[in-house]
Every structure is written in structure tokens, then in C-alpha cells.
C-alpha atoms as a PDB file:
ATOM      1  CA  MET A   1     -17.524 -29.547 -40.099  1.00  0.00           C
ATOM      2  CA  ALA A   2     -16.901 -28.112 -43.305  1.00  0.00           C
ATOM      3  CA  ASP A   3     -19.688 -25.347 -43.014  1.00  0.00           C
ATOM      4  CA  ARG A   4     -17.421 -23.565 -40.391  1.00  0.00           C
ATOM      5  CA  ARG A   5     -14.519 -23.503 -42.452  1.00  0.00           C
ATOM      6  CA  PRO A   6     -14.021 -19.751 -43.959  1.00  0.00           C
ATOM      7  CA  GLY A   7     -14.415 -20.385 -48.159  1.00  0.00           C
ATOM      8  CA  LEU A   8     -11.339 -18.924 -50.061  1.00  0.00           C
ATOM      9  CA  ASP A   9     -11.173 -15.572 -50.688  1.00  0.00           C
ATOM     10  CA  VAL A  10     -10.519 -15.714 -54.168  1.00  0.00           C
ATOM     11  CA  ALA A  11     -10.606 -11.860 -54.861  1.00  0.00           C
ATOM     12  CA  GLY A  12      -7.914 -11.133 -52.049  1.00  0.00           C
ATOM     13  CA  LEU A  13      -5.606 -13.752 -53.454  1.00  0.00           C
ATOM     14  CA  VAL A  14      -6.021 -12.372 -57.187  1.00  0.00           C
ATOM     15  CA  GLY A  15      -5.571  -8.233 -55.207  1.00  0.00           C
ATOM     16  CA  TRP A  16      -2.696  -9.600 -53.438  1.00  0.00           C
ATOM     17  CA  PRO A  17       0.052  -9.239 -56.003  1.00  0.00           C
ATOM     18  CA  ILE A  18      -1.231  -5.879 -56.510  1.00  0.00           C
ATOM     19  CA  ALA A  19      -1.379  -4.971 -52.677  1.00  0.00           C
ATOM     20  CA  ILE A  20       2.475  -6.185 -52.868  1.00  0.00           C
ATOM     21  CA  LEU A  21       3.511  -3.738 -55.620  1.00  0.00           C
ATOM     22  CA  ASN A  22       1.740  -1.033 -54.110  1.00  0.00           C
ATOM     23  CA  GLU A  23       3.914  -1.206 -50.847  1.00  0.00           C
ATOM     24  CA  ILE A  24       7.013  -2.026 -52.936  1.00  0.00           C
ATOM     25  CA  ALA A  25       6.185   1.363 -54.479  1.00  0.00           C
ATOM     26  CA  ALA A  26       5.161   3.329 -51.700  1.00  0.00           C
ATOM     27  CA  LEU A  27       8.507   1.906 -49.878  1.00  0.00           C
ATOM     28  CA  PRO A  28      11.080   4.888 -50.923  1.00  0.00           C
ATOM     29  CA  GLU A  29       8.409   7.177 -49.689  1.00  0.00           C
ATOM     30  CA  THR A  30       8.127   5.002 -46.288  1.00  0.00           C
ATOM     31  CA  LEU A  31      12.135   5.238 -46.095  1.00  0.00           C
ATOM     32  CA  LYS A  32      12.368   8.986 -46.365  1.00  0.00           C
ATOM     33  CA  SER A  33       9.626   9.377 -43.732  1.00  0.00           C
ATOM     34  CA  ALA A  34      11.481   6.895 -41.553  1.00  0.00           C
ATOM     35  CA  ARG A  35      14.494   9.133 -42.301  1.00  0.00           C
ATOM     36  CA  LEU A  36      12.982  12.870 -41.210  1.00  0.00           C
ATOM     37  CA  LEU A  37      11.397  11.092 -38.322  1.00  0.00           C
ATOM     38  CA  VAL A  38      14.814   9.806 -36.873  1.00  0.00           C
ATOM     39  CA  THR A  39      16.398  13.064 -37.501  1.00  0.00           C
ATOM     40  CA  ASP A  40      13.341  14.974 -35.872  1.00  0.00           C
ATOM     41  CA  LEU A  41      13.891  12.426 -33.058  1.00  0.00           C
ATOM     42  CA  GLY A  42      17.357  13.367 -32.996  1.00  0.00           C
ATOM     43  CA  ARG A  43      17.030  16.793 -32.813  1.00  0.00           C
ATOM     44  CA  LEU A  44      14.136  16.539 -29.925  1.00  0.00           C
ATOM     45  CA  ALA A  45      16.945  14.405 -28.143  1.00  0.00           C
ATOM     46  CA  ASP A  46      19.462  17.325 -28.460  1.00  0.00           C
ATOM     47  CA  HIS A  47      16.932  20.124 -27.614  1.00  0.00           C
ATOM     48  CA  LEU A  48      15.590  18.134 -24.509  1.00  0.00           C
ATOM     49  CA  ALA A  49      18.961  17.682 -22.968  1.00  0.00           C
ATOM     50  CA  ASP A  50      19.531  21.513 -23.566  1.00  0.00           C
ATOM     51  CA  VAL A  51      16.578  22.071 -21.651  1.00  0.00           C
ATOM     52  CA  ALA A  52      17.569  19.470 -18.680  1.00  0.00           C
ATOM     53  CA  ASP A  53      21.123  21.146 -18.694  1.00  0.00           C
ATOM     54  CA  GLN A  54      19.163  24.751 -18.477  1.00  0.00           C
ATOM     55  CA  VAL A  55      16.795  23.446 -15.733  1.00  0.00           C
ATOM     56  CA  GLU A  56      19.915  22.181 -13.856  1.00  0.00           C
ATOM     57  CA  ARG A  57      21.476  25.322 -14.067  1.00  0.00           C
ATOM     58  CA  GLN A  58      18.812  27.224 -12.788  1.00  0.00           C
ATOM     59  CA  ILE A  59      18.118  24.674  -9.757  1.00  0.00           C
ATOM     60  CA  ASP A  60      22.081  24.998  -8.966  1.00  0.00           C
ATOM     61  CA  ASN A  61      21.148  28.825  -8.651  1.00  0.00           C
ATOM     62  CA  LEU A  62      18.608  28.210  -6.281  1.00  0.00           C
ATOM     63  CA  VAL A  63      20.455  25.433  -4.025  1.00  0.00           C
ATOM     64  CA  GLY A  64      22.205  28.429  -1.974  1.00  0.00           C
ATOM     65  CA  PRO A  65      19.491  30.690  -1.525  1.00  0.00           C
ATOM     66  CA  MET A  66      17.125  27.722  -0.446  1.00  0.00           C
ATOM     67  CA  THR A  67      19.522  26.391   1.917  1.00  0.00           C
ATOM     68  CA  ARG A  68      19.792  30.055   3.227  1.00  0.00           C
ATOM     69  CA  THR A  69      15.902  30.211   3.767  1.00  0.00           C
ATOM     70  CA  VAL A  70      15.771  26.938   5.579  1.00  0.00           C
ATOM     71  CA  GLY A  71      18.544  27.760   7.751  1.00  0.00           C
ATOM     72  CA  GLN A  72      16.743  31.135   8.783  1.00  0.00           C
ATOM     73  CA  VAL A  73      13.217  29.248   9.073  1.00  0.00           C
ATOM     74  CA  ASP A  74      15.380  26.679  11.734  1.00  0.00           C
ATOM     75  CA  SER A  75      16.255  29.886  13.748  1.00  0.00           C
ATOM     76  CA  ILE A  76      13.426  31.373  13.670  1.00  0.00           C
ATOM     77  CA  GLU A  77      11.508  28.451  15.185  1.00  0.00           C
ATOM     78  CA  ALA A  78      14.319  27.481  17.813  1.00  0.00           C
ATOM     79  CA  SER A  79      13.836  31.169  18.704  1.00  0.00           C
ATOM     80  CA  VAL A  80       9.974  31.022  18.958  1.00  0.00           C
ATOM     81  CA  THR A  81      10.391  27.815  20.775  1.00  0.00           C
ATOM     82  CA  GLU A  82      12.566  29.551  23.281  1.00  0.00           C
ATOM     83  CA  LEU A  83      10.387  32.667  23.568  1.00  0.00           C
ATOM     84  CA  ARG A  84       7.303  29.910  24.291  1.00  0.00           C
ATOM     85  CA  ASN A  85       8.732  27.880  27.141  1.00  0.00           C
ATOM     86  CA  THR A  86      10.490  30.869  28.575  1.00  0.00           C
ATOM     87  CA  LEU A  87       7.133  32.505  28.785  1.00  0.00           C
ATOM     88  CA  PHE A  88       5.457  29.435  30.150  1.00  0.00           C
ATOM     89  CA  GLY A  89       8.261  29.227  32.803  1.00  0.00           C
ATOM     90  CA  ILE A  90       7.629  32.791  34.061  1.00  0.00           C
ATOM     91  CA  LEU A  91       3.936  31.824  33.865  1.00  0.00           C
ATOM     92  CA  LYS A  92       4.534  28.952  36.074  1.00  0.00           C
ATOM     93  CA  ARG A  93       6.851  30.871  38.658  1.00  0.00           C
ATOM     94  CA  VAL A  94       5.955  34.289  38.865  1.00  0.00           C
ATOM     95  CA  PRO A  95       3.291  34.970  40.970  1.00  0.00           C
ATOM     96  CA  GLY A  96       0.761  37.368  39.213  1.00  0.00           C
ATOM     97  CA  ALA A  97       2.876  36.907  35.926  1.00  0.00           C
ATOM     98  CA  ARG A  98      -0.390  35.243  33.906  1.00  0.00           C
ATOM     99  CA  LYS A  99      -2.949  38.208  35.351  1.00  0.00           C
ATOM    100  CA  SER A 100      -0.295  40.541  34.169  1.00  0.00           C
ATOM    101  CA  LEU A 101       0.042  39.130  31.210  1.00  0.00           C
ATOM    102  CA  LEU A 102      -3.665  39.098  30.175  1.00  0.00           C
ATOM    103  CA  ASP A 103      -3.734  42.789  31.519  1.00  0.00           C
ATOM    104  CA  LEU A 104      -1.109  43.890  28.860  1.00  0.00           C
ATOM    105  CA  ALA A 105      -3.157  41.416  26.330  1.00  0.00           C
ATOM    106  CA  ASN A 106      -6.214  43.411  26.790  1.00  0.00           C
ATOM    107  CA  PRO A 107      -5.233  47.016  27.773  1.00  0.00           C
ATOM    108  CA  GLY A 108      -8.361  48.443  26.694  1.00  0.00           C
ATOM    109  CA  GLN A 109     -10.354  46.409  28.798  1.00  0.00           C
ATOM    110  CA  ARG A 110      -7.650  47.380  32.003  1.00  0.00           C
ATOM    111  CA  ALA A 111      -8.542  50.798  31.474  1.00  0.00           C
ATOM    112  CA  GLN A 112     -11.823  50.213  31.862  1.00  0.00           C
ATOM    113  CA  LEU A 113     -11.172  48.743  35.189  1.00  0.00           C
ATOM    114  CA  GLU A 114      -8.734  50.634  36.295  1.00  0.00           C
ATOM    115  CA  SER A 115     -11.017  53.984  35.651  1.00  0.00           C
ATOM    116  CA  PRO A 116     -13.422  55.499  38.260  1.00  0.00           C
ATOM    117  CA  PRO A 117     -17.004  55.072  38.149  1.00  0.00           C
END
């Protein structure tokens, strides 16, 4: 079991006070960097808040036109549905309506069928 224990690191033990002194010496610079970082983070937060406000204003400006567009699309959809239903109703109830519709859809072919040989 004694073989598995790590040995005493004398170099690390002797160098430890020097490492602590180096960290203490660097502390003012580290604190200055931390203060600058906190200041930069504050500026970044302010900038992000400004950007968020601008985006919110732009979205507010788009709400009206988007609402009108959605209303127009709904109106077009309702009109198309009404026209489709009317067309199917005509095709079911009016004799010869299907043939007439096909003739209207292909006027060139109808003319070829009607022209004398």
C-alpha cells in the first residue's frame, strides 16, 4: 500500500510561496481587467436593450400591414371558395355545363372541331 502513495513534492512545496506571491502581485491587474469587463458588459447590456427597443418598434410598425394582409388573404380565400362552390353547383345542375366549360377552357380545339373539313 505504501507503494501506491504519491511521494512528497518538495519542489512544489518550496515553489508554493513564490507562486502565491506572483498571484498577489498580479492581483491589481486582474482586478483592473475584471472592472473593465464588468464595464464592457454593462455597455453591452445597454446596447442590447437599445437593439431590442428598435426591433420592437419595427415589429410594431409591421403589425398593421400584416393584419391587413392576413385580412386580404382571408377575403381572397373566402371568395375562391365561394367561386369554386358556385362552379361545382352550376356543373351539377345545368345540363351541358361541363361540355361548355371544357369548350371554354380549350377554345382552339373547339374551333378545330367546328370548322368544316
